[in-house]
Amino acid sequence: MSETLDLVIVGAGPSGLAAAIEAAKQRLNYVVLEKGCVTNSIFHFPAHMVFFTTPELLEIGGLPLVCEREKPTRNEALKYYRRAVGAFDLAVRQYEGVDEIRQIGERRFEVRAAGNVYTTRNVALAIGYYDTPNKLGVPGEDLPHVSHYYTEPHSFYNRDVVVIGGKNSAAEAALDLFRAGARVSLVHRRAELGSTLKYWVRPDIENRLKAGEITPYLNSTVQEITPTVVRVVQNGTEREIRADQVFALTGYFTTTRFFEQLGVEVNPETLRPRLDPETFETNVPGVFVAGSAIAGRLNGE
């Protein structure tokens, strides 16, 4: 594009869309670039997921989110955000992933995305964290039957499934699989499940583990994944767990790729970018961060 935009927003999740609504209200010349579909991360949530939060906390632009029950489902959220894009006529370009952002002058940036080049005075990084899983770093992690994202349970009926992790994603996936008739083993590196488990999930998963309905492998570290088993060390003893499918649900974190390209300072331990808490502008003038990307690794999952 030959014209210089006021703002390029990277990411069409809820935070990116909220930023776009405000940009439109201020009559800014802006565009939202998204590597997948609108609210791509929510699209990749488990099909039957119910949000932990109530609908008003997911609303953007004052548009009400109407849901059937107290808390919205994944599908209700997807429908809502599609409606928001249409209602506010937001300039969202789907399937246009950003490859590079570089500063080319004082408060002037060049954004390269899917063969297109945008020049802008400001950049808002609303990149979330769900697209970058914490890897185990073990042999076999890239095998076809290993996934860092949970889908749905039906195809795993009467099959052996290993779920790796001890927080909400892992616990909820293990329960869903168990209730669909899978033989589920839960592997977690600590002796207890995560402290951030939802209050209604904790007693459910702990009771299933105590009854042996889901086989617990707590205080265990994964050594290797093969096409048929997961090898772990539990309290110094090597064990093999049969696995037709492995869900490695060990959490996610914000990519620092764009921060590095732009010179945004990041805490090496938390991956939190340095920014003004009032304006969300980083140490690089004209570069802003929105949504869960602000939290780095500390996203609560």
Protein backbone atom coordinates (compact mmCIF):
# COMPACT_ATOMS: atom_id res chain seq x y z
CA MET A 1 0.00 0.00 0.00
CA SER A 2 1.32 3.45 -0.91
CA GLU A 3 -0.60 5.34 1.79
CA THR A 4 0.65 5.53 5.37
CA LEU A 5 -1.85 4.11 7.84
CA ASP A 6 -2.47 5.45 11.31
CA LEU A 7 -2.47 1.97 12.84
CA VAL A 8 -1.82 -1.67 12.00
CA ILE A 9 -3.30 -4.13 14.49
CA VAL A 10 -1.71 -7.58 14.48
CA GLY A 11 -4.23 -10.21 15.57
CA ALA A 12 -8.02 -10.43 15.21
CA GLY A 13 -8.76 -11.92 18.60
CA PRO A 14 -11.08 -10.16 21.07
CA SER A 15 -8.39 -7.61 22.06
CA GLY A 16 -7.46 -6.86 18.46
CA LEU A 17 -11.11 -6.44 17.50
CA ALA A 18 -11.72 -4.18 20.52
CA ALA A 19 -8.76 -2.03 19.44
CA ALA A 20 -10.17 -1.90 15.91
CA ILE A 21 -13.55 -0.71 17.20
CA GLU A 22 -11.87 2.14 19.07
CA ALA A 23 -9.73 2.97 16.04
CA ALA A 24 -12.85 3.15 13.89
CA LYS A 25 -14.58 5.40 16.45
CA GLN A 26 -11.59 7.78 16.31
CA ARG A 27 -11.75 7.73 12.49
CA LEU A 28 -8.23 6.32 12.22
CA ASN A 29 -7.01 4.80 9.00
CA TYR A 30 -6.28 1.27 10.23
CA VAL A 31 -6.21 -2.39 9.27
CA VAL A 32 -6.30 -5.63 11.29
CA LEU A 33 -4.04 -8.42 10.04
CA GLU A 34 -4.83 -12.00 11.10
CA LYS A 35 -2.93 -15.12 10.07
CA GLY A 36 -6.04 -17.30 10.43
CA CYS A 37 -9.74 -16.63 10.78
CA VAL A 38 -11.42 -14.06 13.03
CA THR A 39 -10.72 -15.05 16.67
CA ASN A 40 -8.50 -17.84 15.40
CA SER A 41 -7.48 -18.99 18.89
CA ILE A 42 -11.09 -19.40 20.03
CA PHE A 43 -11.80 -21.30 16.82
CA HIS A 44 -9.15 -23.82 17.89
CA PHE A 45 -10.58 -24.28 21.38
CA PRO A 46 -12.26 -27.65 22.09
CA ALA A 47 -15.56 -27.85 20.21
CA HIS A 48 -17.77 -28.07 23.31
CA MET A 49 -15.81 -25.70 25.55
CA VAL A 50 -17.66 -23.42 27.97
CA PHE A 51 -15.92 -20.21 29.03
CA PHE A 52 -14.92 -19.65 32.64
CA THR A 53 -16.01 -16.02 32.45
CA THR A 54 -19.51 -14.59 32.22
CA PRO A 55 -20.57 -12.96 28.93
CA GLU A 56 -20.12 -9.31 29.91
CA LEU A 57 -16.38 -9.90 30.35
CA LEU A 58 -16.12 -11.06 26.73
CA GLU A 59 -18.11 -8.20 25.23
CA ILE A 60 -16.48 -5.55 23.06
CA GLY A 61 -17.71 -2.23 21.77
CA GLY A 62 -20.79 -2.28 23.99
CA LEU A 63 -22.33 -5.03 21.87
CA PRO A 64 -24.21 -7.51 24.13
CA LEU A 65 -23.22 -11.18 24.04
CA VAL A 66 -26.41 -13.20 24.37
CA CYS A 67 -25.94 -16.81 25.48
CA GLU A 68 -28.28 -19.64 26.39
CA ARG A 69 -26.80 -20.31 29.82
CA GLU A 70 -24.90 -18.41 32.48
CA LYS A 71 -21.58 -18.72 30.63
CA PRO A 72 -21.04 -18.69 26.87
CA THR A 73 -19.84 -21.61 24.80
CA ARG A 74 -17.10 -21.54 22.19
CA ASN A 75 -19.67 -21.51 19.38
CA GLU A 76 -21.62 -18.65 20.96
CA ALA A 77 -18.41 -16.64 21.27
CA LEU A 78 -17.46 -17.28 17.64
CA LYS A 79 -20.91 -16.17 16.50
CA TYR A 80 -20.65 -13.06 18.67
CA TYR A 81 -17.27 -11.94 17.35
CA ARG A 82 -18.35 -12.53 13.75
CA ARG A 83 -21.35 -10.32 14.48
CA ALA A 84 -19.08 -7.64 16.00
CA VAL A 85 -16.89 -7.52 12.88
CA GLY A 86 -19.98 -7.06 10.73
CA ALA A 87 -21.77 -4.62 13.03
CA PHE A 88 -18.79 -2.25 13.20
CA ASP A 89 -17.66 -2.97 9.62
CA LEU A 90 -14.14 -3.65 10.85
CA ALA A 91 -11.25 -3.68 8.39
CA VAL A 92 -10.06 -7.23 9.12
CA ARG A 93 -7.89 -9.10 6.64
CA GLN A 94 -8.06 -12.81 7.43
CA TYR A 95 -5.36 -15.32 6.44
CA GLU A 96 -2.82 -12.54 6.07
CA GLY A 97 -0.15 -13.52 8.57
CA VAL A 98 2.50 -10.97 9.47
CA ASP A 99 6.03 -12.06 8.58
CA GLU A 100 8.04 -9.04 9.64
CA ILE A 101 7.67 -5.65 11.30
CA ARG A 102 10.51 -3.16 11.19
CA GLN A 103 10.98 0.47 12.10
CA ILE A 104 11.89 2.64 9.12
CA GLY A 105 11.89 6.04 10.78
CA GLU A 106 10.67 8.01 13.76
CA ARG A 107 7.22 6.59 14.55
CA ARG A 108 7.12 4.97 11.15
CA PHE A 109 6.94 1.21 10.60
CA GLU A 110 6.83 -1.26 7.73
CA VAL A 111 4.68 -4.38 8.15
CA ARG A 112 5.11 -7.27 5.71
CA ALA A 113 2.25 -9.75 5.55
CA ALA A 114 1.49 -12.44 2.98
CA GLY A 115 3.28 -10.58 0.21
CA ASN A 116 1.75 -7.21 1.09
CA VAL A 117 3.62 -4.26 2.60
CA TYR A 118 1.96 -1.71 4.91
CA THR A 119 3.45 1.52 6.16
CA THR A 120 2.03 2.80 9.44
CA ARG A 121 2.63 5.32 12.20
CA ASN A 122 1.61 2.91 14.96
CA VAL A 123 1.50 -0.83 15.56
CA ALA A 124 -0.67 -2.64 18.11
CA LEU A 125 0.40 -6.20 18.89
CA ALA A 126 -2.68 -8.17 19.95
CA ILE A 127 -1.01 -11.52 19.31
CA GLY A 128 -2.31 -13.52 22.28
CA TYR A 129 -0.49 -16.64 23.43
CA TYR A 130 -2.48 -19.69 22.33
CA ASP A 131 -0.57 -20.15 19.07
CA THR A 132 2.73 -21.00 20.78
CA PRO A 133 2.66 -24.15 22.95
CA ASN A 134 5.26 -24.97 25.58
CA LYS A 135 7.16 -27.85 24.03
CA LEU A 136 8.27 -30.88 26.04
CA GLY A 137 11.52 -31.12 24.13
CA VAL A 138 11.52 -34.92 24.04
CA PRO A 139 11.98 -37.43 21.20
CA GLY A 140 8.70 -38.25 19.45
CA GLU A 141 6.94 -34.98 20.26
CA ASP A 142 6.39 -34.33 16.56
CA LEU A 143 4.80 -37.71 15.78
CA PRO A 144 1.40 -37.55 14.03
CA HIS A 145 -0.55 -38.83 17.05
CA VAL A 146 0.81 -36.09 19.35
CA SER A 147 -1.08 -32.81 19.60
CA HIS A 148 -0.64 -29.65 21.69
CA TYR A 149 -4.31 -28.81 21.18
CA TYR A 150 -7.34 -30.78 22.35
CA THR A 151 -10.11 -31.34 19.84
CA GLU A 152 -13.06 -33.54 20.89
CA PRO A 153 -13.36 -37.02 22.40
CA HIS A 154 -15.56 -39.16 20.15
CA SER A 155 -12.84 -40.69 17.96
CA PHE A 156 -10.92 -41.88 21.05
CA TYR A 157 -13.68 -44.11 22.43
CA ASN A 158 -12.20 -47.40 23.70
CA ARG A 159 -8.67 -46.24 22.94
CA ASP A 160 -5.64 -45.42 25.08
CA VAL A 161 -5.04 -41.69 25.46
CA VAL A 162 -2.28 -39.99 27.42
CA VAL A 163 -2.85 -36.39 28.53
CA ILE A 164 0.25 -34.50 29.64
CA GLY A 165 -0.21 -31.50 31.92
CA GLY A 166 -1.72 -30.49 35.24
CA LYS A 167 -3.65 -27.29 34.65
CA ASN A 168 -7.10 -26.50 33.28
CA SER A 169 -6.62 -27.58 29.66
CA ALA A 170 -5.20 -30.97 30.65
CA ALA A 171 -7.71 -31.64 33.43
CA GLU A 172 -10.74 -30.74 31.32
CA ALA A 173 -9.50 -32.78 28.35
CA ALA A 174 -8.87 -35.82 30.58
CA LEU A 175 -12.38 -35.60 32.02
CA ASP A 176 -13.98 -35.16 28.60
CA LEU A 177 -12.11 -38.15 27.19
CA PHE A 178 -12.94 -40.31 30.21
CA ARG A 179 -16.65 -39.57 29.86
CA ALA A 180 -16.51 -40.46 26.17
CA GLY A 181 -15.17 -43.91 26.97
CA ALA A 182 -11.44 -43.46 26.39
CA ARG A 183 -8.86 -45.13 28.65
CA VAL A 184 -7.12 -42.02 29.98
CA SER A 185 -3.79 -41.57 31.72
CA LEU A 186 -2.81 -38.17 33.12
CA VAL A 187 0.89 -37.33 33.35
CA HIS A 188 2.03 -34.32 35.38
CA ARG A 189 5.53 -33.38 36.44
CA ARG A 190 4.48 -32.19 39.88
CA ALA A 191 3.07 -34.13 42.82
CA GLU A 192 -0.15 -32.08 42.77
CA LEU A 193 -2.31 -30.55 40.06
CA GLY A 194 -2.04 -26.82 39.32
CA SER A 195 -3.28 -24.25 41.80
CA THR A 196 -5.25 -22.40 39.09
CA LEU A 197 -7.68 -25.26 38.39
CA LYS A 198 -11.27 -24.04 38.08
CA TYR A 199 -13.19 -24.62 41.29
CA TRP A 200 -15.64 -27.05 39.69
CA VAL A 201 -12.93 -28.94 37.78
CA ARG A 202 -10.65 -29.69 40.77
CA PRO A 203 -12.95 -32.03 42.76
CA ASP A 204 -14.07 -33.77 39.59
CA ILE A 205 -10.57 -34.60 38.32
CA GLU A 206 -9.23 -35.42 41.80
CA ASN A 207 -12.08 -37.86 42.42
CA ARG A 208 -11.52 -39.54 39.04
CA LEU A 209 -7.81 -39.92 39.81
CA LYS A 210 -8.47 -41.22 43.32
CA ALA A 211 -10.91 -43.83 41.98
CA GLY A 212 -8.48 -44.90 39.25
CA GLU A 213 -11.00 -44.04 36.55
CA ILE A 214 -8.28 -41.82 35.11
CA THR A 215 -4.86 -43.33 35.75
CA PRO A 216 -2.60 -40.80 37.50
CA TYR A 217 1.11 -40.46 36.81
CA LEU A 218 1.92 -37.53 39.07
CA ASN A 219 5.48 -36.47 39.84
CA SER A 220 6.42 -37.87 36.43
CA THR A 221 8.57 -36.52 33.62
CA VAL A 222 8.18 -37.58 30.00
CA GLN A 223 11.33 -39.07 28.50
CA GLU A 224 10.16 -40.19 25.07
CA ILE A 225 7.05 -40.67 22.94
CA THR A 226 6.93 -43.60 20.53
CA PRO A 227 4.15 -44.63 18.11
CA THR A 228 2.71 -46.92 20.81
CA VAL A 229 3.83 -45.76 24.27
CA VAL A 230 4.86 -42.77 26.36
CA ARG A 231 7.96 -43.41 28.45
CA VAL A 232 8.07 -41.55 31.76
CA VAL A 233 10.14 -41.54 34.93
CA GLN A 234 8.00 -41.47 38.06
CA ASN A 235 9.78 -41.10 41.41
CA GLY A 236 12.94 -42.54 39.87
CA THR A 237 11.18 -45.51 38.23
CA GLU A 238 10.84 -45.83 34.46
CA ARG A 239 7.35 -46.63 33.21
CA GLU A 240 5.68 -47.17 29.83
CA ILE A 241 2.12 -45.98 29.19
CA ARG A 242 0.19 -47.25 26.18
CA ALA A 243 -0.90 -44.42 23.91
CA ASP A 244 -2.93 -44.37 20.70
CA GLN A 245 -3.11 -40.58 21.10
CA VAL A 246 -1.14 -38.07 23.14
CA PHE A 247 -2.38 -34.60 24.10
CA ALA A 248 0.57 -32.57 25.40
CA LEU A 249 -1.39 -29.76 27.07
CA THR A 250 1.46 -28.08 28.89
CA GLY A 251 0.42 -24.47 28.37
CA TYR A 252 1.17 -21.70 25.89
CA PHE A 253 3.12 -18.45 25.76
CA THR A 254 3.34 -15.29 23.69
CA THR A 255 5.83 -15.33 20.86
CA THR A 256 8.52 -12.66 21.22
CA ARG A 257 9.34 -12.59 17.50
CA PHE A 258 7.79 -9.17 16.82
CA PHE A 259 9.17 -7.72 20.05
CA GLU A 260 12.66 -8.74 18.93
CA GLN A 261 12.17 -7.32 15.43
CA LEU A 262 11.09 -3.96 16.86
CA GLY A 263 13.49 -3.73 19.81
CA VAL A 264 10.79 -3.97 22.47
CA GLU A 265 12.33 -4.84 25.82
CA VAL A 266 11.07 -8.14 27.28
CA ASN A 267 11.60 -9.70 30.70
CA PRO A 268 13.54 -12.90 29.87
CA GLU A 269 11.83 -14.91 32.62
CA THR A 270 8.19 -13.81 32.32
CA LEU A 271 8.31 -12.72 28.64
CA ARG A 272 6.39 -9.62 29.65
CA PRO A 273 7.09 -6.61 27.39
CA ARG A 274 8.13 -3.33 28.96
CA LEU A 275 5.23 -0.89 28.60
CA ASP A 276 3.40 2.04 30.13
CA PRO A 277 0.52 0.59 32.19
CA GLU A 278 -1.67 3.59 31.36
CA THR A 279 -1.22 3.70 27.58
CA PHE A 280 0.14 0.18 26.87
CA GLU A 281 2.85 1.77 24.74
CA THR A 282 6.17 -0.07 24.88
CA ASN A 283 9.65 1.40 25.16
CA VAL A 284 9.48 1.84 21.36
CA PRO A 285 7.27 4.91 20.64
CA GLY A 286 4.33 3.92 18.44
CA VAL A 287 4.39 0.23 19.37
CA PHE A 288 1.57 -0.90 21.67
CA VAL A 289 0.60 -4.27 23.17
CA ALA A 290 -2.99 -5.36 23.81
CA GLY A 291 -4.65 -8.29 25.56
CA SER A 292 -3.03 -11.40 26.96
CA ALA A 293 0.29 -10.70 25.21
CA ILE A 294 0.90 -8.24 28.03
CA ALA A 295 1.12 -11.11 30.53
CA GLY A 296 3.82 -13.12 28.72
CA ARG A 297 4.08 -16.55 30.32
CA LEU A 298 1.84 -15.55 33.24
CA ASN A 299 -1.45 -16.19 31.47
CA GLY A 300 -3.11 -18.33 34.17
CA GLU A 301 -3.46 -21.52 32.11
